[in-house]
Amino acid sequence: MKKKDSVATLSSDKGALGRDEALEKLGDSEQQLGLLVESLDDYAIFALSLDGTITSWNSGGEALFGYKPADILGCNFAKLFTPEGIADGLPQQQLHEATLHGCASIEFILMRKDDSRFRASGKLNQLKRDNAGKSRGFVKIVRDISEQDAVYRHERAWSLAFQRAVLPAQLPHVPGLQFDALYEPASIDAQAGGDWYDAVRLLDGRVLVTIGDVAGRGLEAAVVVGVVRQIMRGIAQLHADPSLILDAADRALALEYPDVYVTAWVAILDLVTRTITYACAGHPPTLLVGADASTRELGNPSLPIGLRDGKFGASNTVSWSDGDTLVLYTDGVIEAKRDVLAGSALIAEAARALGPAVWNEPAAEIKRLVIPDGSPDDVAILVLRADFPMYEQQVDRWHLDASDPVAATVLRKTFTASLPHAGFSADNLADAELVFGELIGNVVRHAGTNYHADIVVDHSGPRTVLHVLDNGAGFRYVSRLAPDPYSEHGRGLFLIAAMTADFVVDQRPDGGSHARAVLQGRFPSPFPEVPLRTLPMASSPPSKHNTNGAAVPAR
């Protein structure tokens, strides 16, 4: 019995010794931690009670805020906030967030003893609760990031300026189309991004619209944006086929930037036929929203530019109606919260609300509805709406039965009379009349007398464009003469090309041909005529991202 008592006593002594050693080590640790906290001059570290009263203050707090311990201990930490921050309830918000989540991140403006202000960053952490589960207070860590913030803001401003330099300076003015666009850099990165949007009117009156995203960030991504945009614009002037545009961009990118890939959505808008021809390269689908709020996705699974490896895509053509709206966007809109399905549902809902709504900065409205707090990635949004009645005010349309030669003769004179004589010289008018006759003769030759043709004269652009659409077997135009100098085949079309600023023949999706002849004349210079030696240096046009497609002056 005594032996057991002695063993218990020995065990008790060892336990007490262990506790004493643990308490001694804990005291040493607390002392070391206190010395460490006290020695950190770059960080203000101080404790708060549950109501925000400051209960401890290190030398870093004195160096950062200018308060000695005697001046600040016992005061509420709201004393460190600006009057605006106090009015907004920031101190109470921090305490509430730290109590609810265990910590609260800090990054806003605080105030020193001398009333000077600085941008602060840090955290407010809740202390470990006591044995009863009650909160014991908080510890706040703050540092001055004013210098880093100034550098960040400078880099961000430079990146934004560079990014906007590779975006269109202004959107085109096209009667019958309204445009609105928005670009916003990533909210957490100062580097230039790779998102873009673009819209340009082609010489024959059609409109090229593109949107895309270059993988990566920084200077190289922004440079690739500029390269890809210009490639697409250049190819569209020669071959206005979205799939060909993407294929050309893919080949060029593979040669110059083999390690870069780009997602893109490209479309050609034709107001004459009221169609949208589009192709996609791994990009989120564009939304076509009706005036009745119906929504349709325009897109198809495909590889991005730079990864296609010779696999060519295909173009799709859809019709659109008066009041329809196109919503183009980059993945920063739908991936802001790391949930693509939820983001896609949000933008579809926003687009439906936009469909019947009055046109009032729709791109900004979409951003407000889908990503009100911004996105960690770049964001580009381009919105277009069709106003076909406005467009038709600038267009003449006639229907011709190919079997009626008298009607063709009358229509030829009507066509010539419709041209703006102030902008056409006598030679221009004669060429235009000859072009009209050749195209009508071509319809009769290839379509036969059982077919008809629609003739459209588009006066809405800087040049008048003659459209001849037939429903026959169709024909093609090759921009060179036949090898046989005595052959009549293709000679008329070659003459048409020689007497026009541009001539294109496309196959219609429903059969037949669509010939577009851009007539000579009526192409005023954008610059006034001044002597060469006094010609002023051209300045960049002002940035403009919204146009309502106002009608051009009456012809």
Protein backbone atom coordinates (compact mmCIF):
# COMPACT_ATOMS: atom_id res chain seq x y z
CA MET A 1 0.00 0.00 0.00
CA LYS A 2 2.84 2.34 0.83
CA LYS A 3 4.55 1.41 -2.42
CA LYS A 4 1.49 2.45 -4.37
CA ASP A 5 1.32 5.74 -2.47
CA SER A 6 4.96 6.46 -3.24
CA VAL A 7 4.43 5.67 -6.94
CA ALA A 8 1.40 8.01 -7.05
CA THR A 9 3.38 10.74 -5.29
CA LEU A 10 6.27 10.31 -7.77
CA SER A 11 3.87 10.45 -10.70
CA SER A 12 2.22 13.57 -9.28
CA ASP A 13 5.59 15.23 -8.84
CA LYS A 14 6.54 14.42 -12.43
CA GLY A 15 3.21 15.84 -13.66
CA ALA A 16 3.69 19.02 -11.72
CA LEU A 17 7.24 19.32 -13.04
CA GLY A 18 5.98 18.85 -16.62
CA ARG A 19 3.34 21.51 -16.17
CA ASP A 20 5.88 23.91 -14.73
CA GLU A 21 8.22 23.30 -17.67
CA ALA A 22 5.33 23.78 -20.12
CA LEU A 23 4.26 26.98 -18.42
CA GLU A 24 7.84 28.21 -18.41
CA LYS A 25 8.21 27.46 -22.14
CA LEU A 26 4.86 29.11 -22.82
CA GLY A 27 5.96 32.18 -20.93
CA ASP A 28 9.20 32.25 -22.91
CA SER A 29 7.22 31.93 -26.16
CA GLU A 30 4.86 34.73 -25.18
CA GLN A 31 7.80 36.88 -24.21
CA GLN A 32 9.56 36.13 -27.52
CA LEU A 33 6.35 36.85 -29.43
CA GLY A 34 5.89 40.11 -27.56
CA LEU A 35 9.46 41.15 -28.36
CA LEU A 36 8.93 40.20 -32.00
CA VAL A 37 5.70 42.21 -32.24
CA GLU A 38 7.33 45.14 -30.53
CA SER A 39 10.30 45.10 -32.91
CA LEU A 40 8.25 45.20 -36.12
CA ASP A 41 8.42 48.87 -37.09
CA ASP A 42 6.94 48.29 -40.56
CA TYR A 43 3.73 46.81 -39.19
CA ALA A 44 1.27 48.30 -36.74
CA ILE A 45 0.10 45.44 -34.52
CA PHE A 46 -2.40 46.16 -31.77
CA ALA A 47 -5.09 44.36 -29.77
CA LEU A 48 -8.75 45.35 -29.56
CA SER A 49 -11.47 44.53 -27.09
CA LEU A 50 -14.84 43.31 -28.31
CA ASP A 51 -16.12 46.89 -28.74
CA GLY A 52 -13.01 47.99 -30.65
CA THR A 53 -11.11 49.61 -27.76
CA ILE A 54 -7.34 49.52 -28.29
CA THR A 55 -5.68 47.52 -25.48
CA SER A 56 -2.11 47.16 -26.78
CA TRP A 57 0.09 49.15 -29.17
CA ASN A 58 3.48 48.27 -30.64
CA SER A 59 6.28 50.53 -31.88
CA GLY A 60 5.18 49.91 -35.46
CA GLY A 61 1.82 51.50 -34.64
CA GLU A 62 3.60 54.56 -33.25
CA ALA A 63 5.81 54.79 -36.36
CA LEU A 64 2.89 54.35 -38.77
CA PHE A 65 0.14 56.40 -37.10
CA GLY A 66 2.18 58.81 -34.96
CA TYR A 67 0.40 57.96 -31.71
CA LYS A 68 2.36 57.02 -28.58
CA PRO A 69 0.85 54.27 -26.41
CA ALA A 70 -0.33 56.84 -23.87
CA ASP A 71 -2.19 58.73 -26.59
CA ILE A 72 -4.05 55.80 -28.09
CA LEU A 73 -4.56 53.07 -25.47
CA GLY A 74 -8.17 53.07 -24.27
CA CYS A 75 -9.40 54.80 -27.44
CA ASN A 76 -11.65 53.13 -30.00
CA PHE A 77 -9.85 52.06 -33.16
CA ALA A 78 -12.34 54.13 -35.16
CA LYS A 79 -9.97 57.00 -34.35
CA LEU A 80 -7.66 55.63 -37.06
CA PHE A 81 -10.31 55.90 -39.79
CA THR A 82 -11.13 58.87 -42.00
CA PRO A 83 -14.35 60.80 -41.32
CA GLU A 84 -15.75 59.33 -44.54
CA GLY A 85 -14.90 55.80 -43.39
CA ILE A 86 -16.55 56.39 -40.03
CA ALA A 87 -19.66 57.81 -41.75
CA ASP A 88 -19.80 54.67 -43.93
CA GLY A 89 -19.62 52.45 -40.84
CA LEU A 90 -16.31 50.77 -41.78
CA PRO A 91 -15.11 50.14 -38.17
CA GLN A 92 -18.34 48.35 -37.25
CA GLN A 93 -18.29 46.40 -40.53
CA GLN A 94 -14.77 45.14 -39.80
CA LEU A 95 -15.65 44.00 -36.28
CA HIS A 96 -18.79 42.27 -37.56
CA GLU A 97 -16.95 40.47 -40.38
CA ALA A 98 -14.11 39.35 -38.08
CA THR A 99 -16.64 38.06 -35.52
CA LEU A 100 -18.60 36.23 -38.20
CA HIS A 101 -15.73 34.76 -40.25
CA GLY A 102 -12.76 34.86 -37.88
CA CYS A 103 -10.92 37.57 -39.85
CA ALA A 104 -11.51 40.60 -42.03
CA SER A 105 -9.23 41.80 -44.81
CA ILE A 106 -8.30 45.46 -44.88
CA GLU A 107 -7.42 47.69 -47.80
CA PHE A 108 -8.59 51.27 -47.67
CA ILE A 109 -7.55 54.74 -46.52
CA LEU A 110 -6.62 55.32 -42.83
CA MET A 111 -5.61 58.51 -41.03
CA ARG A 112 -2.53 59.43 -38.96
CA LYS A 113 -2.34 61.67 -35.89
CA ASP A 114 -1.33 64.63 -38.08
CA ASP A 115 -4.47 64.06 -40.26
CA SER A 116 -2.39 62.81 -43.20
CA ARG A 117 -3.84 59.83 -45.04
CA PHE A 118 -2.38 56.65 -46.46
CA ARG A 119 -3.55 53.46 -48.13
CA ALA A 120 -3.43 50.60 -45.65
CA SER A 121 -3.50 46.84 -46.04
CA GLY A 122 -3.74 44.10 -43.45
CA LYS A 123 -6.11 41.93 -41.43
CA LEU A 124 -8.30 42.04 -38.36
CA ASN A 125 -8.15 38.60 -36.71
CA GLN A 126 -10.38 37.29 -33.95
CA LEU A 127 -8.52 35.87 -30.92
CA LYS A 128 -9.08 32.26 -29.97
CA ARG A 129 -12.23 31.94 -27.91
CA ASP A 130 -12.01 31.04 -24.19
CA ASN A 131 -13.04 27.70 -22.68
CA ALA A 132 -16.62 28.89 -22.46
CA GLY A 133 -16.67 29.72 -26.18
CA LYS A 134 -16.77 33.46 -25.68
CA SER A 135 -14.81 35.84 -27.88
CA ARG A 136 -11.87 37.54 -26.16
CA GLY A 137 -11.16 40.31 -28.68
CA PHE A 138 -9.17 40.93 -31.82
CA VAL A 139 -5.67 41.60 -33.13
CA LYS A 140 -5.22 44.03 -36.00
CA ILE A 141 -2.19 44.10 -38.32
CA VAL A 142 -1.74 47.09 -40.64
CA ARG A 143 0.96 48.22 -43.06
CA ASP A 144 1.35 51.21 -45.36
CA ILE A 145 1.06 50.26 -49.04
CA SER A 146 0.87 53.79 -50.46
CA GLU A 147 4.09 53.40 -52.43
CA GLN A 148 3.14 49.99 -53.83
CA ASP A 149 -0.33 51.32 -54.57
CA ALA A 150 1.09 54.26 -56.51
CA VAL A 151 3.25 51.89 -58.58
CA TYR A 152 0.27 49.60 -59.15
CA ARG A 153 -1.95 52.48 -60.23
CA HIS A 154 0.74 53.76 -62.60
CA GLU A 155 1.19 50.32 -64.17
CA ARG A 156 -2.56 49.82 -64.39
CA ALA A 157 -3.07 53.20 -66.05
CA TRP A 158 -0.30 52.43 -68.54
CA SER A 159 -1.72 48.98 -69.25
CA LEU A 160 -5.21 50.39 -69.72
CA ALA A 161 -3.92 53.07 -72.09
CA PHE A 162 -2.00 50.47 -74.10
CA GLN A 163 -4.98 48.13 -74.19
CA ARG A 164 -7.30 50.86 -75.41
CA ALA A 165 -4.75 51.79 -78.06
CA VAL A 166 -5.25 48.38 -79.69
CA LEU A 167 -9.05 48.65 -79.44
CA PRO A 168 -11.00 50.61 -82.07
CA ALA A 169 -10.85 54.36 -81.48
CA GLN A 170 -14.53 54.55 -82.40
CA LEU A 171 -17.30 52.28 -83.59
CA PRO A 172 -18.64 52.73 -87.13
CA HIS A 173 -21.61 54.92 -87.99
CA VAL A 174 -23.96 52.66 -89.92
CA PRO A 175 -27.56 53.72 -90.57
CA GLY A 176 -29.71 50.87 -89.31
CA LEU A 177 -27.28 49.65 -86.64
CA GLN A 178 -26.73 50.82 -83.09
CA PHE A 179 -23.44 50.00 -81.35
CA ASP A 180 -22.30 50.06 -77.75
CA ALA A 181 -19.15 48.58 -76.25
CA LEU A 182 -17.26 48.31 -73.00
CA TYR A 183 -13.79 47.17 -72.03
CA GLU A 184 -12.70 46.81 -68.39
CA PRO A 185 -9.31 45.48 -67.25
CA ALA A 186 -8.98 42.77 -64.63
CA SER A 187 -9.73 43.99 -61.12
CA ILE A 188 -6.71 42.28 -59.54
CA ASP A 189 -3.96 42.69 -62.13
CA ALA A 190 -2.09 45.73 -63.41
CA GLN A 191 -0.88 44.06 -66.61
CA ALA A 192 -2.44 44.60 -70.02
CA GLY A 193 -4.91 41.92 -70.99
CA GLY A 194 -5.77 40.10 -74.18
CA ASP A 195 -9.50 40.83 -74.62
CA TRP A 196 -10.77 42.86 -77.56
CA TYR A 197 -13.83 43.80 -79.56
CA ASP A 198 -13.97 45.32 -83.03
CA ALA A 199 -16.45 46.53 -85.63
CA VAL A 200 -15.70 47.98 -89.05
CA ARG A 201 -17.76 48.67 -92.14
CA LEU A 202 -16.41 47.08 -95.31
CA LEU A 203 -16.25 48.88 -98.65
CA ASP A 204 -19.30 46.99 -99.96
CA GLY A 205 -21.42 48.06 -96.98
CA ARG A 206 -21.30 44.88 -94.93
CA VAL A 207 -20.10 45.09 -91.33
CA LEU A 208 -17.39 42.97 -89.75
CA VAL A 209 -17.71 42.39 -86.00
CA THR A 210 -15.21 40.43 -83.93
CA ILE A 211 -14.57 39.71 -80.28
CA GLY A 212 -11.90 37.55 -78.73
CA ASP A 213 -9.43 36.75 -75.99
CA VAL A 214 -5.70 36.13 -76.29
CA ALA A 215 -4.38 33.59 -73.77
CA GLY A 216 -2.05 35.16 -71.24
CA ARG A 217 -1.44 38.70 -70.01
CA GLY A 218 1.09 41.44 -70.40
CA LEU A 219 2.69 43.20 -73.34
CA GLU A 220 2.83 40.16 -75.63
CA ALA A 221 -0.90 39.46 -75.22
CA ALA A 222 -1.75 43.07 -76.03
CA VAL A 223 0.53 43.00 -79.09
CA VAL A 224 -1.14 39.80 -80.35
CA VAL A 225 -4.53 41.52 -79.95
CA GLY A 226 -3.40 44.21 -82.37
CA VAL A 227 -1.97 41.67 -84.80
CA VAL A 228 -5.07 39.46 -84.86
CA ARG A 229 -7.45 42.41 -85.22
CA GLN A 230 -5.57 43.76 -88.22
CA ILE A 231 -5.34 40.32 -89.85
CA MET A 232 -9.10 39.92 -89.53
CA ARG A 233 -9.79 43.39 -90.91
CA GLY A 234 -7.46 42.84 -93.86
CA ILE A 235 -8.83 39.42 -94.83
CA ALA A 236 -12.43 40.66 -94.52
CA GLN A 237 -11.80 43.33 -97.17
CA LEU A 238 -10.91 40.58 -99.66
CA HIS A 239 -12.90 37.57 -98.43
CA ALA A 240 -15.79 38.47 -96.15
CA ASP A 241 -16.26 34.90 -94.94
CA PRO A 242 -15.87 34.42 -91.16
CA SER A 243 -14.47 30.89 -91.45
CA LEU A 244 -11.81 32.06 -93.95
CA ILE A 245 -10.97 34.98 -91.65
CA LEU A 246 -10.39 32.60 -88.72
CA ASP A 247 -8.37 30.19 -90.87
CA ALA A 248 -6.12 33.03 -92.10
CA ALA A 249 -5.61 34.28 -88.54
CA ASP A 250 -4.76 30.72 -87.44
CA ARG A 251 -2.07 30.34 -90.09
CA ALA A 252 -0.55 33.75 -89.38
CA LEU A 253 -0.51 33.14 -85.63
CA ALA A 254 1.10 29.72 -86.07
CA LEU A 255 3.97 31.36 -87.96
CA GLU A 256 4.55 34.43 -85.79
CA TYR A 257 3.38 33.32 -82.32
CA PRO A 258 3.39 29.50 -82.28
CA ASP A 259 2.95 29.26 -78.50
CA VAL A 260 -0.09 31.54 -78.30
CA TYR A 261 -3.73 30.65 -78.83
CA VAL A 262 -6.75 32.92 -79.21
CA THR A 263 -10.49 32.40 -78.87
CA ALA A 264 -12.63 34.49 -81.22
CA TRP A 265 -16.12 34.98 -82.61
CA VAL A 266 -16.39 36.61 -86.04
CA ALA A 267 -19.47 37.72 -87.98
CA ILE A 268 -20.37 39.53 -91.19
CA LEU A 269 -23.60 41.52 -90.93
CA ASP A 270 -25.47 42.13 -94.17
CA LEU A 271 -28.22 44.74 -93.90
CA VAL A 272 -29.35 44.18 -97.48
CA THR A 273 -30.23 40.53 -96.92
CA ARG A 274 -30.77 40.93 -93.15
CA THR A 275 -28.46 38.03 -92.37
CA ILE A 276 -25.67 37.25 -89.92
CA THR A 277 -22.91 34.95 -91.16
CA TYR A 278 -20.67 33.85 -88.29
CA ALA A 279 -17.94 31.43 -87.25
CA CYS A 280 -16.49 30.62 -83.85
CA ALA A 281 -13.05 29.56 -82.63
CA GLY A 282 -13.43 28.26 -79.08
CA HIS A 283 -15.18 31.41 -77.88
CA PRO A 284 -18.36 31.76 -75.78
CA PRO A 285 -21.43 31.96 -78.05
CA THR A 286 -22.92 35.30 -79.00
CA LEU A 287 -26.54 35.86 -77.97
CA LEU A 288 -29.16 36.91 -80.53
CA VAL A 289 -32.03 38.49 -78.61
CA GLY A 290 -35.35 39.25 -80.23
CA ALA A 291 -37.52 42.26 -79.49
CA ASP A 292 -39.83 39.77 -77.74
CA ALA A 293 -36.94 38.77 -75.39
CA SER A 294 -36.45 35.39 -77.09
CA THR A 295 -32.79 34.33 -76.97
CA ARG A 296 -30.70 32.20 -79.30
CA GLU A 297 -27.05 31.19 -78.99
CA LEU A 298 -24.84 31.69 -82.06
CA GLY A 299 -21.84 29.46 -81.65
CA ASN A 300 -20.48 26.00 -82.27
CA PRO A 301 -17.79 23.80 -80.68
CA SER A 302 -14.45 24.52 -82.34
CA LEU A 303 -10.77 24.88 -81.58
CA PRO A 304 -9.19 28.26 -80.79
CA ILE A 305 -6.94 30.07 -83.24
CA GLY A 306 -3.43 28.66 -82.90
CA LEU A 307 -4.66 25.15 -82.08
CA ARG A 308 -6.62 24.33 -85.23
CA ASP A 309 -3.67 22.56 -86.93
CA GLY A 310 -5.12 22.85 -90.42
CA LYS A 311 -8.65 21.84 -89.40
CA PHE A 312 -10.78 24.46 -91.11
CA GLY A 313 -14.04 25.65 -89.64
CA ALA A 314 -17.36 26.45 -91.28
CA SER A 315 -19.55 29.53 -91.40
CA ASN A 316 -23.21 29.58 -90.44
CA THR A 317 -25.86 32.03 -91.65
CA VAL A 318 -28.99 33.10 -89.76
CA SER A 319 -31.60 35.78 -90.38
CA TRP A 320 -32.35 38.58 -87.97
CA SER A 321 -35.28 40.95 -87.68
CA ASP A 322 -35.89 44.57 -86.86
CA GLY A 323 -35.19 45.27 -83.19
CA ASP A 324 -33.02 42.18 -82.71
CA THR A 325 -29.96 42.63 -80.49
CA LEU A 326 -26.58 40.91 -80.65
CA VAL A 327 -24.64 40.50 -77.40
CA LEU A 328 -20.94 39.62 -77.77
CA TYR A 329 -18.77 39.09 -74.69
CA THR A 330 -15.54 37.50 -73.44
CA ASP A 331 -15.18 34.79 -70.81
CA GLY A 332 -14.34 37.30 -68.08
CA VAL A 333 -18.05 38.06 -67.92
CA ILE A 334 -19.20 34.50 -67.25
CA GLU A 335 -16.18 33.22 -65.28
CA ALA A 336 -15.94 36.03 -62.72
CA LYS A 337 -17.24 33.75 -59.95
CA ARG A 338 -15.55 30.57 -61.25
CA ASP A 339 -18.91 29.10 -62.25
CA VAL A 340 -19.36 29.16 -66.04
CA LEU A 341 -22.89 27.71 -65.99
CA ALA A 342 -24.10 30.25 -63.46
CA GLY A 343 -22.37 33.06 -65.35
CA SER A 344 -23.91 31.94 -68.65
CA ALA A 345 -27.35 31.89 -67.05
CA LEU A 346 -26.83 35.40 -65.68
CA ILE A 347 -25.81 36.92 -69.01
CA ALA A 348 -28.68 35.16 -70.79
CA GLU A 349 -31.08 36.65 -68.24
CA ALA A 350 -29.51 40.10 -68.66
CA ALA A 351 -29.75 39.78 -72.46
CA ARG A 352 -33.43 38.86 -72.27
CA ALA A 353 -34.08 41.94 -70.15
CA LEU A 354 -32.15 44.01 -72.68
CA GLY A 355 -34.09 42.79 -75.72
CA PRO A 356 -37.25 44.90 -75.38
CA ALA A 357 -35.57 47.66 -73.36
CA VAL A 358 -34.84 51.19 -74.56
CA TRP A 359 -31.28 51.56 -75.90
CA ASN A 360 -29.31 53.21 -73.09
CA GLU A 361 -25.68 52.09 -72.66
CA PRO A 362 -26.59 48.39 -72.82
CA ALA A 363 -22.98 47.16 -72.44
CA ALA A 364 -22.64 48.90 -69.08
CA GLU A 365 -26.07 47.60 -68.07
CA ILE A 366 -25.02 44.01 -68.81
CA LYS A 367 -21.90 44.47 -66.70
CA ARG A 368 -23.99 45.91 -63.87
CA LEU A 369 -26.40 42.98 -63.93
CA VAL A 370 -23.88 40.16 -64.37
CA ILE A 371 -20.66 41.33 -62.67
CA PRO A 372 -21.48 44.38 -60.51
CA ASP A 373 -18.24 43.94 -58.53
CA GLY A 374 -16.05 43.50 -61.60
CA SER A 375 -14.11 40.43 -62.68
CA PRO A 376 -10.64 39.04 -61.89
CA ASP A 377 -10.20 38.71 -65.67
CA ASP A 378 -10.49 41.27 -68.46
CA VAL A 379 -13.99 41.97 -69.74
CA ALA A 380 -15.07 43.03 -73.24
CA ILE A 381 -18.71 43.48 -74.24
CA LEU A 382 -20.07 44.56 -77.65
CA VAL A 383 -23.80 45.07 -78.21
CA LEU A 384 -25.55 45.79 -81.53
CA ARG A 385 -29.19 46.37 -82.40
CA ALA A 386 -30.87 46.38 -85.82
CA ASP A 387 -33.06 49.29 -86.91
CA PHE A 388 -34.02 48.22 -90.43
CA PRO A 389 -36.61 50.97 -91.07
CA MET A 390 -33.82 53.54 -90.61
CA TYR A 391 -31.61 51.61 -93.01
CA GLU A 392 -34.33 51.34 -95.65
CA GLN A 393 -34.53 55.14 -95.81
CA GLN A 394 -31.10 55.02 -97.48
CA VAL A 395 -31.90 52.18 -99.90
CA ASP A 396 -33.72 51.78 -103.22
CA ARG A 397 -35.17 48.35 -104.02
CA TRP A 398 -36.67 47.00 -107.25
CA HIS A 399 -37.85 43.60 -108.44
CA LEU A 400 -37.19 42.49 -112.02
CA ASP A 401 -38.72 39.66 -114.03
CA ALA A 402 -35.87 38.38 -116.22
CA SER A 403 -38.31 37.63 -119.05
CA ASP A 404 -39.44 41.27 -119.42
CA PRO A 405 -36.88 43.26 -121.50
CA VAL A 406 -39.01 46.43 -121.46
CA ALA A 407 -39.05 46.46 -117.67
CA ALA A 408 -35.27 46.01 -117.68
CA THR A 409 -34.83 49.08 -119.92
CA VAL A 410 -37.10 51.21 -117.73
CA LEU A 411 -35.35 50.02 -114.59
CA ARG A 412 -31.97 50.92 -116.06
CA LYS A 413 -33.08 54.54 -116.46
CA THR A 414 -34.67 54.54 -112.98
CA PHE A 415 -31.41 53.26 -111.51
CA THR A 416 -29.33 55.98 -113.18
CA ALA A 417 -31.75 58.66 -111.99
CA SER A 418 -31.47 57.38 -108.41
CA LEU A 419 -27.74 58.07 -108.23
CA PRO A 420 -26.60 61.21 -106.39
CA HIS A 421 -25.51 63.27 -109.40
CA ALA A 422 -23.66 65.73 -107.18
CA GLY A 423 -21.22 62.98 -106.27
CA PHE A 424 -20.94 61.31 -109.68
CA SER A 425 -19.16 62.72 -112.70
CA ALA A 426 -20.52 62.10 -116.19
CA ASP A 427 -17.99 59.29 -116.63
CA ASN A 428 -19.01 57.78 -113.29
CA LEU A 429 -22.67 57.81 -114.31
CA ALA A 430 -21.89 56.19 -117.65
CA ASP A 431 -19.81 53.49 -115.97
CA ALA A 432 -22.56 52.85 -113.40
CA GLU A 433 -25.19 52.48 -116.15
CA LEU A 434 -22.96 50.07 -118.05
CA VAL A 435 -22.29 48.03 -114.90
CA PHE A 436 -26.02 47.82 -114.24
CA GLY A 437 -26.69 46.62 -117.79
CA GLU A 438 -23.94 43.98 -117.65
CA LEU A 439 -25.22 42.58 -114.34
CA ILE A 440 -28.83 42.40 -115.54
CA GLY A 441 -27.66 40.76 -118.77
CA ASN A 442 -25.69 38.29 -116.71
CA VAL A 443 -28.81 37.38 -114.74
CA VAL A 444 -30.72 36.70 -117.96
CA ARG A 445 -27.81 34.72 -119.36
CA HIS A 446 -27.30 32.49 -116.32
CA ALA A 447 -30.70 32.46 -114.63
CA GLY A 448 -32.85 32.29 -117.76
CA THR A 449 -36.22 33.84 -118.43
CA ASN A 450 -38.03 31.85 -115.75
CA TYR A 451 -36.22 33.57 -112.93
CA HIS A 452 -36.26 36.98 -111.29
CA ALA A 453 -33.79 39.35 -109.71
CA ASP A 454 -33.84 41.82 -106.84
CA ILE A 455 -31.93 45.02 -107.39
CA VAL A 456 -30.85 47.04 -104.35
CA VAL A 457 -28.95 50.34 -104.38
CA ASP A 458 -27.42 51.14 -101.01
CA HIS A 459 -26.68 54.86 -100.52
CA SER A 460 -26.00 54.60 -96.77
CA GLY A 461 -22.21 54.42 -96.92
CA PRO A 462 -19.42 56.60 -98.30
CA ARG A 463 -19.80 54.82 -101.67
CA THR A 464 -22.98 53.75 -103.44
CA VAL A 465 -23.24 49.97 -103.75
CA LEU A 466 -25.29 48.16 -106.41
CA HIS A 467 -26.62 44.74 -105.38
CA VAL A 468 -28.10 42.27 -107.85
CA LEU A 469 -29.55 39.10 -106.33
CA ASP A 470 -30.89 36.32 -108.54
CA ASN A 471 -32.51 32.97 -107.77
CA GLY A 472 -31.07 31.05 -110.70
CA ALA A 473 -28.27 28.55 -110.94
CA GLY A 474 -25.79 31.21 -109.87
CA PHE A 475 -22.44 32.29 -111.27
CA ARG A 476 -18.96 33.00 -110.01
CA TYR A 477 -16.49 35.77 -110.69
CA VAL A 478 -12.77 35.07 -111.19
CA SER A 479 -10.62 38.19 -111.21
CA ARG A 480 -8.73 37.39 -114.42
CA LEU A 481 -9.52 37.02 -118.12
CA ALA A 482 -9.86 33.66 -119.84
CA PRO A 483 -6.66 32.39 -121.56
CA ASP A 484 -8.38 32.61 -124.97
CA PRO A 485 -8.33 36.31 -126.02
CA TYR A 486 -11.38 35.73 -128.26
CA SER A 487 -13.45 34.09 -125.53
CA GLU A 488 -16.55 35.94 -124.35
CA HIS A 489 -16.65 33.95 -121.13
CA GLY A 490 -16.07 36.18 -118.08
CA ARG A 491 -15.31 39.29 -120.15
CA GLY A 492 -18.38 41.21 -118.96
CA LEU A 493 -17.61 40.53 -115.29
CA PHE A 494 -14.00 41.57 -115.88
CA LEU A 495 -15.24 44.89 -117.33
CA ILE A 496 -17.52 45.37 -114.31
CA ALA A 497 -14.55 44.90 -111.98
CA ALA A 498 -12.52 47.43 -114.00
CA MET A 499 -15.27 50.07 -113.79
CA THR A 500 -16.03 49.70 -110.07
CA ALA A 501 -14.13 50.31 -106.85
CA ASP A 502 -14.83 46.73 -105.77
CA PHE A 503 -16.77 43.79 -107.20
CA VAL A 504 -17.72 40.60 -105.35
CA VAL A 505 -20.01 37.71 -106.24
CA ASP A 506 -21.20 35.32 -103.51
CA GLN A 507 -23.41 32.26 -103.65
CA ARG A 508 -26.66 32.78 -101.77
CA PRO A 509 -27.48 30.23 -99.04
CA ASP A 510 -30.89 29.54 -100.62
CA GLY A 511 -29.54 29.35 -104.19
CA GLY A 512 -28.57 31.91 -106.79
CA SER A 513 -25.93 34.63 -106.73
CA HIS A 514 -25.45 37.95 -104.95
CA ALA A 515 -23.33 40.43 -106.90
CA ARG A 516 -22.04 43.54 -105.11
CA ALA A 517 -20.61 46.34 -107.23
CA VAL A 518 -19.12 49.32 -105.37
CA LEU A 519 -19.60 52.20 -107.80
CA GLN A 520 -16.95 54.81 -108.57
CA GLY A 521 -17.56 58.35 -107.38
CA ARG A 522 -19.19 59.70 -104.25
CA PHE A 523 -16.22 59.06 -102.00
CA PRO A 524 -15.34 62.36 -100.31
CA SER A 525 -11.93 62.62 -98.68
CA PRO A 526 -11.99 62.65 -94.86
CA PHE A 527 -9.36 65.43 -94.96
CA PRO A 528 -9.74 68.92 -96.47
CA GLU A 529 -7.67 69.70 -99.51
CA VAL A 530 -4.75 71.89 -98.41
CA PRO A 531 -1.30 72.48 -99.93
CA LEU A 532 1.09 69.67 -99.06
CA ARG A 533 3.59 71.91 -97.29
CA THR A 534 0.90 73.24 -94.94
CA LEU A 535 -0.81 69.90 -94.34
CA PRO A 536 -1.32 69.58 -90.55
CA MET A 537 -0.35 66.38 -88.79
CA ALA A 538 -3.31 64.08 -88.35
CA SER A 539 -4.36 63.50 -84.77
CA SER A 540 -5.96 60.39 -83.37
CA PRO A 541 -9.76 60.51 -83.37
CA PRO A 542 -11.40 60.71 -79.97
CA SER A 543 -12.32 57.45 -78.31
CA LYS A 544 -15.96 56.71 -78.89
CA HIS A 545 -17.71 53.49 -78.01
CA ASN A 546 -21.35 54.28 -78.62
CA THR A 547 -23.08 55.19 -81.85
CA ASN A 548 -26.74 55.20 -82.68
CA GLY A 549 -26.32 54.83 -86.43
CA ALA A 550 -27.63 58.27 -87.32
CA ALA A 551 -28.80 58.61 -90.90
CA VAL A 552 -26.43 60.24 -93.38
CA PRO A 553 -27.53 63.50 -95.05
CA ALA A 554 -30.23 63.08 -97.69
CA ARG A 555 -28.87 62.46 -101.13
